[in-house]
């Protein structure tokens, strides 16, 4: 506040307070002997969590892409429910639904966001399970990428073996390019290798 006061004696400072589903209403003004603080309030209890959840679930099951608003709703849905048990139940529903999101980045964003938003009430064992799911998802991506790279490498090696054989038989380079998908430069290199052997 000092920074703003020094730069401009008349400044507006907005304080937005977001209340979880446990709070239905609150006094918007706090008065003390030296300061009066007026807040803008947002009550998550006013959000119909079940309706929002069902709407997003329908989008996922129908293959409709999720927007940023949908993802943020998923992240805060556990906070819309009153009570520790209610929050935990909604959290588990959200995590199960998030795992059905086909877009990997959106899935990880949602799972990570739920961890951060729900930190104060989340069951620690369940938190560890979510973290493991995120890690397994990322590990699975890495494994799939390595499998694809390995398969591509094997295909290229196979193409080079075929090309060597065709070069030894005197087949034209243009025909070998069409048959193997190798470039002219690759084939000329293979031809030079055969000549030096």
Protein backbone atom coordinates (compact mmCIF):
# COMPACT_ATOMS: atom_id res chain seq x y z
CA UNK A 1 0.00 0.00 0.00
CA UNK A 2 2.92 2.34 0.70
CA UNK A 3 4.01 2.09 -2.94
CA UNK A 4 0.59 3.17 -4.21
CA UNK A 5 0.29 5.90 -1.60
CA UNK A 6 3.65 7.42 -2.58
CA UNK A 7 2.86 7.36 -6.30
CA UNK A 8 -0.71 8.60 -6.14
CA UNK A 9 -2.62 9.80 -3.13
CA UNK A 10 -5.89 8.66 -4.70
CA UNK A 11 -5.68 5.02 -5.63
CA UNK A 12 -8.20 2.22 -5.75
CA UNK A 13 -7.35 -1.07 -4.20
CA UNK A 14 -9.75 -3.95 -4.86
CA UNK A 15 -9.93 -6.81 -2.40
CA UNK A 16 -11.89 -9.81 -3.62
CA UNK A 17 -12.66 -12.53 -1.10
CA UNK A 18 -13.67 -15.95 -2.42
CA UNK A 19 -15.60 -18.04 0.08
CA UNK A 20 -15.86 -21.82 -0.14
CA UNK A 21 -19.15 -23.68 -0.09
CA UNK A 22 -19.13 -23.57 3.72
CA UNK A 23 -19.98 -19.84 3.75
CA UNK A 24 -23.39 -18.61 2.63
CA UNK A 25 -22.93 -14.93 3.49
CA UNK A 26 -20.45 -12.61 5.17
CA UNK A 27 -20.18 -8.97 6.12
CA UNK A 28 -18.57 -7.11 3.19
CA UNK A 29 -17.07 -4.36 5.37
CA UNK A 30 -14.49 -4.56 8.13
CA UNK A 31 -14.11 -1.45 10.24
CA UNK A 32 -11.35 -0.83 12.73
CA UNK A 33 -10.23 2.37 14.41
CA UNK A 34 -7.74 3.16 11.66
CA UNK A 35 -9.10 1.55 8.49
CA UNK A 36 -12.33 0.60 6.79
CA UNK A 37 -12.02 -2.30 4.40
CA UNK A 38 -14.76 -3.04 1.87
CA UNK A 39 -14.46 -6.31 0.01
CA UNK A 40 -15.95 -7.69 -3.15
CA UNK A 41 -17.30 -11.12 -2.38
CA UNK A 42 -17.67 -14.30 -4.34
CA UNK A 43 -19.54 -17.18 -2.74
CA UNK A 44 -18.76 -20.56 -4.27
CA UNK A 45 -21.80 -21.89 -2.39
CA UNK A 46 -23.92 -20.08 -5.00
CA UNK A 47 -22.56 -22.32 -7.76
CA UNK A 48 -24.60 -25.43 -8.50
CA UNK A 49 -21.67 -27.85 -8.38
CA UNK A 50 -23.64 -30.90 -9.47
CA UNK A 51 -25.08 -29.12 -12.52
CA UNK A 52 -21.64 -27.81 -13.51
CA UNK A 53 -20.15 -31.28 -13.03
CA UNK A 54 -22.88 -32.92 -15.16
CA UNK A 55 -22.47 -30.32 -17.92
CA UNK A 56 -18.71 -30.91 -18.14
CA UNK A 57 -19.15 -34.69 -17.94
CA UNK A 58 -21.56 -34.56 -20.89
CA UNK A 59 -19.05 -32.53 -22.91
CA UNK A 60 -16.28 -35.05 -22.20
CA UNK A 61 -18.44 -38.06 -23.02
CA UNK A 62 -19.68 -36.37 -26.23
CA UNK A 63 -16.16 -35.51 -27.34
CA UNK A 64 -16.79 -31.76 -27.13
CA UNK A 65 -13.53 -29.89 -26.46
CA UNK A 66 -13.32 -28.27 -23.04
CA UNK A 67 -12.69 -24.55 -22.77
CA UNK A 68 -10.68 -22.73 -20.12
CA UNK A 69 -13.89 -21.95 -18.19
CA UNK A 70 -14.72 -25.66 -18.03
CA UNK A 71 -11.27 -26.51 -16.72
CA UNK A 72 -11.42 -23.80 -14.05
CA UNK A 73 -14.86 -24.98 -12.97
CA UNK A 74 -13.50 -28.50 -12.56
CA UNK A 75 -10.65 -27.17 -10.44
CA UNK A 76 -12.91 -25.23 -8.06
CA UNK A 77 -15.87 -27.64 -7.94
CA UNK A 78 -14.70 -29.35 -4.73
CA UNK A 79 -14.67 -25.93 -3.04
CA UNK A 80 -18.35 -25.35 -3.89
CA UNK A 81 -19.48 -28.12 -1.54
CA UNK A 82 -19.87 -27.58 2.22
CA UNK A 83 -18.11 -29.82 4.74
CA UNK A 84 -14.89 -31.80 4.62
CA UNK A 85 -16.54 -35.04 3.49
CA UNK A 86 -18.58 -33.31 0.79
CA UNK A 87 -15.48 -31.62 -0.58
CA UNK A 88 -13.55 -34.90 -0.57
CA UNK A 89 -16.39 -36.69 -2.40
CA UNK A 90 -16.61 -33.98 -5.07
CA UNK A 91 -12.83 -33.97 -5.36
CA UNK A 92 -12.80 -37.71 -6.08
CA UNK A 93 -15.56 -37.29 -8.70
CA UNK A 94 -13.63 -34.46 -10.35
CA UNK A 95 -10.38 -36.46 -10.40
CA UNK A 96 -12.14 -39.47 -11.94
CA UNK A 97 -13.73 -37.21 -14.56
CA UNK A 98 -10.46 -35.36 -15.24
CA UNK A 99 -8.80 -38.66 -16.08
CA UNK A 100 -11.29 -39.05 -18.92
CA UNK A 101 -10.13 -35.80 -20.58
CA UNK A 102 -8.42 -36.82 -23.81
CA UNK A 103 -6.21 -33.73 -24.07
CA UNK A 104 -3.13 -34.57 -21.99
CA UNK A 105 -2.26 -30.96 -21.10
CA UNK A 106 -5.83 -30.26 -19.97
CA UNK A 107 -5.87 -33.45 -17.91
CA UNK A 108 -2.63 -32.61 -16.12
CA UNK A 109 -3.71 -28.96 -15.65
CA UNK A 110 -6.96 -30.08 -14.03
CA UNK A 111 -5.35 -32.65 -11.75
CA UNK A 112 -2.62 -30.22 -10.70
CA UNK A 113 -5.13 -27.40 -10.21
CA UNK A 114 -7.32 -29.57 -8.01
CA UNK A 115 -4.32 -30.34 -5.80
CA UNK A 116 -3.54 -26.65 -5.33
CA UNK A 117 -7.15 -25.50 -4.87
CA UNK A 118 -8.04 -28.31 -2.47
CA UNK A 119 -4.85 -28.29 -0.43
CA UNK A 120 -6.50 -27.31 2.87
CA UNK A 121 -8.95 -30.19 3.05
CA UNK A 122 -7.65 -32.92 0.76
CA UNK A 123 -6.97 -36.31 2.29
CA UNK A 124 -3.16 -36.69 2.25
CA UNK A 125 -3.27 -40.30 1.02
CA UNK A 126 -5.57 -39.28 -1.80
CA UNK A 127 -3.28 -36.36 -2.60
CA UNK A 128 -0.41 -38.83 -3.04
CA UNK A 129 -2.59 -40.95 -5.34
CA UNK A 130 -3.33 -37.92 -7.56
CA UNK A 131 0.36 -37.02 -7.70
CA UNK A 132 1.20 -40.59 -8.72
CA UNK A 133 -1.49 -40.45 -11.42
CA UNK A 134 0.02 -37.25 -12.81
CA UNK A 135 3.49 -38.79 -12.77
CA UNK A 136 2.24 -42.00 -14.40
CA UNK A 137 0.49 -39.97 -17.09
CA UNK A 138 3.70 -38.10 -17.85
CA UNK A 139 5.72 -41.31 -17.64
CA UNK A 140 3.25 -43.00 -19.97
CA UNK A 141 3.66 -40.16 -22.46
CA UNK A 142 7.42 -40.52 -22.32
CA UNK A 143 7.16 -44.30 -22.77
CA UNK A 144 4.85 -43.91 -25.78
CA UNK A 145 7.17 -41.33 -27.31
CA UNK A 146 10.15 -43.68 -26.85
CA UNK A 147 8.19 -46.56 -28.41
CA UNK A 148 7.33 -44.45 -31.44
CA UNK A 149 10.92 -43.24 -31.79
CA UNK A 150 12.18 -46.83 -31.53
CA UNK A 151 9.67 -48.02 -34.15
CA UNK A 152 10.62 -45.16 -36.48
CA UNK A 153 14.30 -46.00 -36.02
CA UNK A 154 13.65 -49.65 -36.90
CA UNK A 155 11.65 -48.63 -39.98
CA UNK A 156 14.53 -46.40 -41.15
CA UNK A 157 17.07 -49.15 -40.53
CA UNK A 158 14.92 -51.56 -42.52
CA UNK A 159 14.57 -49.01 -45.34
CA UNK A 160 18.34 -48.61 -45.44
CA UNK A 161 18.84 -52.38 -45.67
CA UNK A 162 16.41 -52.57 -48.57
CA UNK A 163 18.13 -49.59 -50.22
CA UNK A 164 21.56 -51.24 -49.85
CA UNK A 165 20.26 -54.36 -51.52
CA UNK A 166 18.66 -52.40 -54.35
CA UNK A 167 21.83 -50.32 -54.83
CA UNK A 168 23.87 -53.51 -55.05
CA UNK A 169 21.45 -54.75 -57.73
CA UNK A 170 21.97 -51.52 -59.71
CA UNK A 171 18.46 -50.11 -59.26
CA UNK A 172 18.11 -46.40 -60.10
CA UNK A 173 18.26 -44.00 -57.14
CA UNK A 174 14.90 -42.38 -58.02
CA UNK A 175 13.15 -45.78 -57.85
CA UNK A 176 14.86 -46.57 -54.53
CA UNK A 177 13.76 -43.18 -53.15
CA UNK A 178 10.16 -43.98 -54.04
CA UNK A 179 10.34 -47.48 -52.61
CA UNK A 180 12.07 -46.63 -49.31
CA UNK A 181 11.23 -43.00 -48.59
CA UNK A 182 14.93 -42.22 -48.14
CA UNK A 183 16.34 -38.98 -49.51
CA UNK A 184 18.77 -38.75 -52.40
CA UNK A 185 21.50 -37.65 -49.98
CA UNK A 186 20.93 -40.69 -47.76
CA UNK A 187 21.09 -42.99 -50.77
CA UNK A 188 24.28 -41.37 -52.09
CA UNK A 189 25.84 -41.85 -48.64
CA UNK A 190 24.81 -45.51 -48.67
CA UNK A 191 26.22 -45.87 -52.18
CA UNK A 192 29.55 -44.39 -51.02
CA UNK A 193 29.60 -46.80 -48.06
CA UNK A 194 29.12 -49.73 -50.44
CA UNK A 195 31.94 -48.49 -52.69
CA UNK A 196 34.38 -48.18 -49.76
CA UNK A 197 33.65 -51.65 -48.39
